[in-house]
Structures are given as structure tokens and as C-alpha cells.
PDB file of N, CA and C in Angstrom:
ATOM      1  N   MET A   1     -86.640 168.473 -58.061  1.00  0.00           N
ATOM      2  CA  MET A   1     -86.151 167.210 -58.586  1.00  0.00           C
ATOM      3  C   MET A   1     -86.437 167.178 -60.097  1.00  0.00           C
ATOM      4  N   THR A   2     -85.447 166.803 -60.865  1.00  0.00           N
ATOM      5  CA  THR A   2     -85.637 166.723 -62.312  1.00  0.00           C
ATOM      6  C   THR A   2     -86.485 165.511 -62.663  1.00  0.00           C
ATOM      7  N   ASP A   3     -86.976 165.480 -63.885  1.00  0.00           N
ATOM      8  CA  ASP A   3     -87.762 164.335 -64.331  1.00  0.00           C
ATOM      9  C   ASP A   3     -86.939 163.056 -64.256  1.00  0.00           C
ATOM     10  N   ALA A   4     -85.665 163.152 -64.639  1.00  0.00           N
ATOM     11  CA  ALA A   4     -84.795 161.971 -64.601  1.00  0.00           C
ATOM     12  C   ALA A   4     -84.617 161.497 -63.166  1.00  0.00           C
ATOM     13  N   ALA A   5     -84.376 162.433 -62.262  1.00  0.00           N
ATOM     14  CA  ALA A   5     -84.189 162.062 -60.860  1.00  0.00           C
ATOM     15  C   ALA A   5     -85.462 161.442 -60.294  1.00  0.00           C
ATOM     16  N   ALA A   6     -86.605 162.001 -60.656  1.00  0.00           N
ATOM     17  CA  ALA A   6     -87.874 161.460 -60.173  1.00  0.00           C
ATOM     18  C   ALA A   6     -88.103 160.057 -60.722  1.00  0.00           C
ATOM     19  N   ALA A   7     -87.826 159.863 -61.999  1.00  0.00           N
ATOM     20  CA  ALA A   7     -88.025 158.548 -62.626  1.00  0.00           C
ATOM     21  C   ALA A   7     -87.086 157.511 -62.038  1.00  0.00           C
ATOM     22  N   LEU A   8     -85.921 157.964 -61.603  1.00  0.00           N
ATOM     23  CA  LEU A   8     -84.910 157.037 -61.089  1.00  0.00           C
ATOM     24  C   LEU A   8     -84.872 156.987 -59.568  1.00  0.00           C
ATOM     25  N   ASP A   9     -85.979 157.328 -58.946  1.00  0.00           N
ATOM     26  CA  ASP A   9     -86.118 157.205 -57.491  1.00  0.00           C
ATOM     27  C   ASP A   9     -86.807 155.867 -57.224  1.00  0.00           C
ATOM     28  N   PRO A  10     -86.098 154.928 -56.602  1.00  0.00           N
ATOM     29  CA  PRO A  10     -86.692 153.600 -56.380  1.00  0.00           C
ATOM     30  C   PRO A  10     -88.033 153.653 -55.648  1.00  0.00           C
ATOM     31  N   ALA A  11     -88.227 154.644 -54.799  1.00  0.00           N
ATOM     32  CA  ALA A  11     -89.479 154.743 -54.042  1.00  0.00           C
ATOM     33  C   ALA A  11     -90.655 155.089 -54.941  1.00  0.00           C
ATOM     34  N   ASN A  12     -90.372 155.705 -56.081  1.00  0.00           N
ATOM     35  CA  ASN A  12     -91.428 156.121 -57.010  1.00  0.00           C
ATOM     36  C   ASN A  12     -91.273 155.422 -58.358  1.00  0.00           C
ATOM     37  N   PHE A  13     -90.769 154.205 -58.346  1.00  0.00           N
ATOM     38  CA  PHE A  13     -90.453 153.493 -59.586  1.00  0.00           C
ATOM     39  C   PHE A  13     -91.641 153.454 -60.538  1.00  0.00           C
ATOM     40  N   ASN A  14     -91.400 153.905 -61.752  1.00  0.00           N
ATOM     41  CA  ASN A  14     -92.396 153.870 -62.821  1.00  0.00           C
ATOM     42  C   ASN A  14     -91.666 153.307 -64.046  1.00  0.00           C
ATOM     43  N   ALA A  15     -91.930 152.071 -64.365  1.00  0.00           N
ATOM     44  CA  ALA A  15     -91.203 151.401 -65.443  1.00  0.00           C
ATOM     45  C   ALA A  15     -91.340 152.148 -66.766  1.00  0.00           C
ATOM     46  N   ASP A  16     -92.526 152.698 -67.038  1.00  0.00           N
ATOM     47  CA  ASP A  16     -92.725 153.418 -68.295  1.00  0.00           C
ATOM     48  C   ASP A  16     -91.851 154.659 -68.369  1.00  0.00           C
ATOM     49  N   ALA A  17     -91.735 155.385 -67.256  1.00  0.00           N
ATOM     50  CA  ALA A  17     -90.911 156.591 -67.232  1.00  0.00           C
ATOM     51  C   ALA A  17     -89.429 156.247 -67.388  1.00  0.00           C
ATOM     52  N   VAL A  18     -88.997 155.170 -66.745  1.00  0.00           N
ATOM     53  CA  VAL A  18     -87.595 154.760 -66.856  1.00  0.00           C
ATOM     54  C   VAL A  18     -87.299 154.300 -68.285  1.00  0.00           C
ATOM     55  N   THR A  19     -88.214 153.565 -68.879  1.00  0.00           N
ATOM     56  CA  THR A  19     -88.034 153.111 -70.260  1.00  0.00           C
ATOM     57  C   THR A  19     -87.947 154.313 -71.201  1.00  0.00           C
ATOM     58  N   ALA A  20     -88.777 155.310 -70.983  1.00  0.00           N
ATOM     59  CA  ALA A  20     -88.739 156.514 -71.819  1.00  0.00           C
ATOM     60  C   ALA A  20     -87.401 157.229 -71.681  1.00  0.00           C
ATOM     61  N   LEU A  21     -86.876 157.268 -70.473  1.00  0.00           N
ATOM     62  CA  LEU A  21     -85.568 157.882 -70.243  1.00  0.00           C
ATOM     63  C   LEU A  21     -84.487 157.133 -71.018  1.00  0.00           C
ATOM     64  N   ILE A  22     -84.543 155.811 -70.964  1.00  0.00           N
ATOM     65  CA  ILE A  22     -83.566 154.982 -71.684  1.00  0.00           C
ATOM     66  C   ILE A  22     -83.693 155.223 -73.190  1.00  0.00           C
ATOM     67  N   ASP A  23     -84.922 155.199 -73.684  1.00  0.00           N
ATOM     68  CA  ASP A  23     -85.151 155.407 -75.118  1.00  0.00           C
ATOM     69  C   ASP A  23     -84.657 156.775 -75.584  1.00  0.00           C
ATOM     70  N   GLY A  24     -84.762 157.769 -74.728  1.00  0.00           N
ATOM     71  CA  GLY A  24     -84.350 159.123 -75.089  1.00  0.00           C
ATOM     72  C   GLY A  24     -82.869 159.395 -74.923  1.00  0.00           C
ATOM     73  N   SER A  25     -82.143 158.406 -74.443  1.00  0.00           N
ATOM     74  CA  SER A  25     -80.712 158.588 -74.208  1.00  0.00           C
ATOM     75  C   SER A  25     -79.907 158.326 -75.480  1.00  0.00           C
ATOM     76  N   THR A  26     -78.620 158.589 -75.384  1.00  0.00           N
ATOM     77  CA  THR A  26     -77.710 158.356 -76.506  1.00  0.00           C
ATOM     78  C   THR A  26     -76.980 157.019 -76.365  1.00  0.00           C
ATOM     79  N   LEU A  27     -77.459 156.177 -75.479  1.00  0.00           N
ATOM     80  CA  LEU A  27     -76.820 154.880 -75.280  1.00  0.00           C
ATOM     81  C   LEU A  27     -76.937 154.023 -76.539  1.00  0.00           C
ATOM     82  N   ASP A  28     -75.992 153.114 -76.689  1.00  0.00           N
ATOM     83  CA  ASP A  28     -76.006 152.138 -77.773  1.00  0.00           C
ATOM     84  C   ASP A  28     -77.290 151.304 -77.691  1.00  0.00           C
ATOM     85  N   ASP A  29     -77.818 150.910 -78.833  1.00  0.00           N
ATOM     86  CA  ASP A  29     -79.076 150.147 -78.868  1.00  0.00           C
ATOM     87  C   ASP A  29     -79.007 148.858 -78.054  1.00  0.00           C
ATOM     88  N   ALA A  30     -77.873 148.198 -78.063  1.00  0.00           N
ATOM     89  CA  ALA A  30     -77.731 146.957 -77.302  1.00  0.00           C
ATOM     90  C   ALA A  30     -77.824 147.232 -75.806  1.00  0.00           C
ATOM     91  N   VAL A  31     -77.223 148.331 -75.365  1.00  0.00           N
ATOM     92  CA  VAL A  31     -77.283 148.714 -73.949  1.00  0.00           C
ATOM     93  C   VAL A  31     -78.720 149.083 -73.589  1.00  0.00           C
ATOM     94  N   LYS A  32     -79.376 149.820 -74.469  1.00  0.00           N
ATOM     95  CA  LYS A  32     -80.778 150.187 -74.225  1.00  0.00           C
ATOM     96  C   LYS A  32     -81.626 148.929 -74.058  1.00  0.00           C
ATOM     97  N   ALA A  33     -81.425 147.954 -74.922  1.00  0.00           N
ATOM     98  CA  ALA A  33     -82.211 146.721 -74.863  1.00  0.00           C
ATOM     99  C   ALA A  33     -81.970 145.986 -73.551  1.00  0.00           C
ATOM    100  N   THR A  34     -80.730 145.922 -73.126  1.00  0.00           N
ATOM    101  CA  THR A  34     -80.390 145.243 -71.872  1.00  0.00           C
ATOM    102  C   THR A  34     -81.056 145.945 -70.692  1.00  0.00           C
ATOM    103  N   LEU A  35     -80.958 147.273 -70.679  1.00  0.00           N
ATOM    104  CA  LEU A  35     -81.547 148.032 -69.576  1.00  0.00           C
ATOM    105  C   LEU A  35     -83.070 147.901 -69.563  1.00  0.00           C
ATOM    106  N   LYS A  36     -83.677 147.945 -70.739  1.00  0.00           N
ATOM    107  CA  LYS A  36     -85.135 147.840 -70.790  1.00  0.00           C
ATOM    108  C   LYS A  36     -85.608 146.454 -70.351  1.00  0.00           C
ATOM    109  N   THR A  37     -84.822 145.427 -70.637  1.00  0.00           N
ATOM    110  CA  THR A  37     -85.150 144.084 -70.150  1.00  0.00           C
ATOM    111  C   THR A  37     -85.112 144.068 -68.623  1.00  0.00           C
ATOM    112  N   ALA A  38     -84.113 144.725 -68.044  1.00  0.00           N
ATOM    113  CA  ALA A  38     -84.004 144.801 -66.583  1.00  0.00           C
ATOM    114  C   ALA A  38     -85.181 145.576 -65.996  1.00  0.00           C
ATOM    115  N   VAL A  39     -85.592 146.648 -66.662  1.00  0.00           N
ATOM    116  CA  VAL A  39     -86.723 147.451 -66.186  1.00  0.00           C
ATOM    117  C   VAL A  39     -88.004 146.609 -66.207  1.00  0.00           C
ATOM    118  N   GLU A  40     -88.193 145.833 -67.255  1.00  0.00           N
ATOM    119  CA  GLU A  40     -89.381 144.979 -67.325  1.00  0.00           C
ATOM    120  C   GLU A  40     -89.358 143.919 -66.229  1.00  0.00           C
ATOM    121  N   ALA A  41     -88.177 143.393 -65.924  1.00  0.00           N
ATOM    122  CA  ALA A  41     -88.059 142.416 -64.839  1.00  0.00           C
ATOM    123  C   ALA A  41     -88.403 143.071 -63.503  1.00  0.00           C
ATOM    124  N   ALA A  42     -87.962 144.315 -63.316  1.00  0.00           N
ATOM    125  CA  ALA A  42     -88.261 145.040 -62.075  1.00  0.00           C
ATOM    126  C   ALA A  42     -89.751 145.374 -61.981  1.00  0.00           C
ATOM    127  N   ARG A  43     -90.377 145.619 -63.118  1.00  0.00           N
ATOM    128  CA  ARG A  43     -91.823 145.869 -63.112  1.00  0.00           C
ATOM    129  C   ARG A  43     -92.551 144.640 -62.549  1.00  0.00           C
ATOM    130  N   ALA A  44     -92.079 143.462 -62.923  1.00  0.00           N
ATOM    131  CA  ALA A  44     -92.707 142.218 -62.495  1.00  0.00           C
ATOM    132  C   ALA A  44     -92.292 141.798 -61.087  1.00  0.00           C
ATOM    133  N   ASN A  45     -91.116 142.232 -60.659  1.00  0.00           N
ATOM    134  CA  ASN A  45     -90.588 141.809 -59.364  1.00  0.00           C
ATOM    135  C   ASN A  45     -90.019 143.026 -58.621  1.00  0.00           C
ATOM    136  N   PRO A  46     -90.803 143.629 -57.732  1.00  0.00           N
ATOM    137  CA  PRO A  46     -90.368 144.834 -57.025  1.00  0.00           C
ATOM    138  C   PRO A  46     -89.048 144.684 -56.263  1.00  0.00           C
ATOM    139  N   ALA A  47     -88.650 143.475 -55.941  1.00  0.00           N
ATOM    140  CA  ALA A  47     -87.385 143.268 -55.242  1.00  0.00           C
ATOM    141  C   ALA A  47     -86.193 143.681 -56.113  1.00  0.00           C
ATOM    142  N   LEU A  48     -86.393 143.767 -57.427  1.00  0.00           N
ATOM    143  CA  LEU A  48     -85.317 144.118 -58.354  1.00  0.00           C
ATOM    144  C   LEU A  48     -85.216 145.624 -58.616  1.00  0.00           C
ATOM    145  N   VAL A  49     -86.168 146.399 -58.105  1.00  0.00           N
ATOM    146  CA  VAL A  49     -86.240 147.823 -58.449  1.00  0.00           C
ATOM    147  C   VAL A  49     -84.969 148.573 -58.086  1.00  0.00           C
ATOM    148  N   ALA A  50     -84.490 148.461 -56.858  1.00  0.00           N
ATOM    149  CA  ALA A  50     -83.329 149.248 -56.423  1.00  0.00           C
ATOM    150  C   ALA A  50     -82.102 148.954 -57.282  1.00  0.00           C
ATOM    151  N   ASP A  51     -81.824 147.681 -57.528  1.00  0.00           N
ATOM    152  CA  ASP A  51     -80.657 147.323 -58.340  1.00  0.00           C
ATOM    153  C   ASP A  51     -80.819 147.794 -59.783  1.00  0.00           C
ATOM    154  N   THR A  52     -82.024 147.689 -60.288  1.00  0.00           N
ATOM    155  CA  THR A  52     -82.274 148.112 -61.680  1.00  0.00           C
ATOM    156  C   THR A  52     -82.105 149.617 -61.820  1.00  0.00           C
ATOM    157  N   VAL A  53     -82.652 150.361 -60.880  1.00  0.00           N
ATOM    158  CA  VAL A  53     -82.508 151.821 -60.916  1.00  0.00           C
ATOM    159  C   VAL A  53     -81.037 152.193 -60.835  1.00  0.00           C
ATOM    160  N   ALA A  54     -80.274 151.522 -59.985  1.00  0.00           N
ATOM    161  CA  ALA A  54     -78.838 151.807 -59.878  1.00  0.00           C
ATOM    162  C   ALA A  54     -78.131 151.510 -61.201  1.00  0.00           C
ATOM    163  N   GLN A  55     -78.505 150.433 -61.854  1.00  0.00           N
ATOM    164  CA  GLN A  55     -77.903 150.054 -63.140  1.00  0.00           C
ATOM    165  C   GLN A  55     -78.203 151.113 -64.203  1.00  0.00           C
ATOM    166  N   VAL A  56     -79.443 151.591 -64.235  1.00  0.00           N
ATOM    167  CA  VAL A  56     -79.814 152.611 -65.221  1.00  0.00           C
ATOM    168  C   VAL A  56     -79.100 153.920 -64.916  1.00  0.00           C
ATOM    169  N   ARG A  57     -79.051 154.315 -63.656  1.00  0.00           N
ATOM    170  CA  ARG A  57     -78.337 155.555 -63.271  1.00  0.00           C
ATOM    171  C   ARG A  57     -76.880 155.510 -63.733  1.00  0.00           C
ATOM    172  N   THR A  58     -76.227 154.378 -63.475  1.00  0.00           N
ATOM    173  CA  THR A  58     -74.824 154.225 -63.851  1.00  0.00           C
ATOM    174  C   THR A  58     -74.656 154.334 -65.360  1.00  0.00           C
ATOM    175  N   ALA A  59     -75.511 153.661 -66.107  1.00  0.00           N
ATOM    176  CA  ALA A  59     -75.418 153.678 -67.567  1.00  0.00           C
ATOM    177  C   ALA A  59     -75.627 155.079 -68.127  1.00  0.00           C
ATOM    178  N   LEU A  60     -76.517 155.832 -67.485  1.00  0.00           N
ATOM    179  CA  LEU A  60     -76.813 157.180 -67.960  1.00  0.00           C
ATOM    180  C   LEU A  60     -75.847 158.226 -67.397  1.00  0.00           C
ATOM    181  N   GLY A  61     -74.945 157.793 -66.536  1.00  0.00           N
ATOM    182  CA  GLY A  61     -73.974 158.715 -65.949  1.00  0.00           C
ATOM    183  C   GLY A  61     -74.583 159.656 -64.931  1.00  0.00           C
ATOM    184  N   LEU A  62     -75.605 159.196 -64.227  1.00  0.00           N
ATOM    185  CA  LEU A  62     -76.285 160.027 -63.216  1.00  0.00           C
ATOM    186  C   LEU A  62     -75.905 159.633 -61.818  1.00  0.00           C
TER     187      LEU A  62
END
């Protein structure tokens, strides 16, 4: 499993790893900010993890 795949596995959600993936991407800054806000919300509310991971995967084309 690649680092990206591991970071984007809802069962192993690590907000810091997902944020690092977003920061290291070529996405527009506004998109990065939106995704990172969602990641922080998922950090606080585990019920949001699956949807947030799906949103990040889609944005990154994974």
C-alpha cells in the first residue's frame, strides 16, 4: 500500500498525514484550504471521516 493509500484509508485515518498529502499536491490553494477544513472537521468528528476521505481522494484523482 502506498503512503497516499494508507493515509486515505478511513480505517487508519490520520488527519496530519492527510493534511500533508493535500499540502504536497498541486491543487489550487483554495481547494487545499477547503479540503484541510474538512480534514480538521473529521479529526473532531469521526462520523465525517469516510466522506472526507472520499472527498480528498476525488480531489487528488485517486
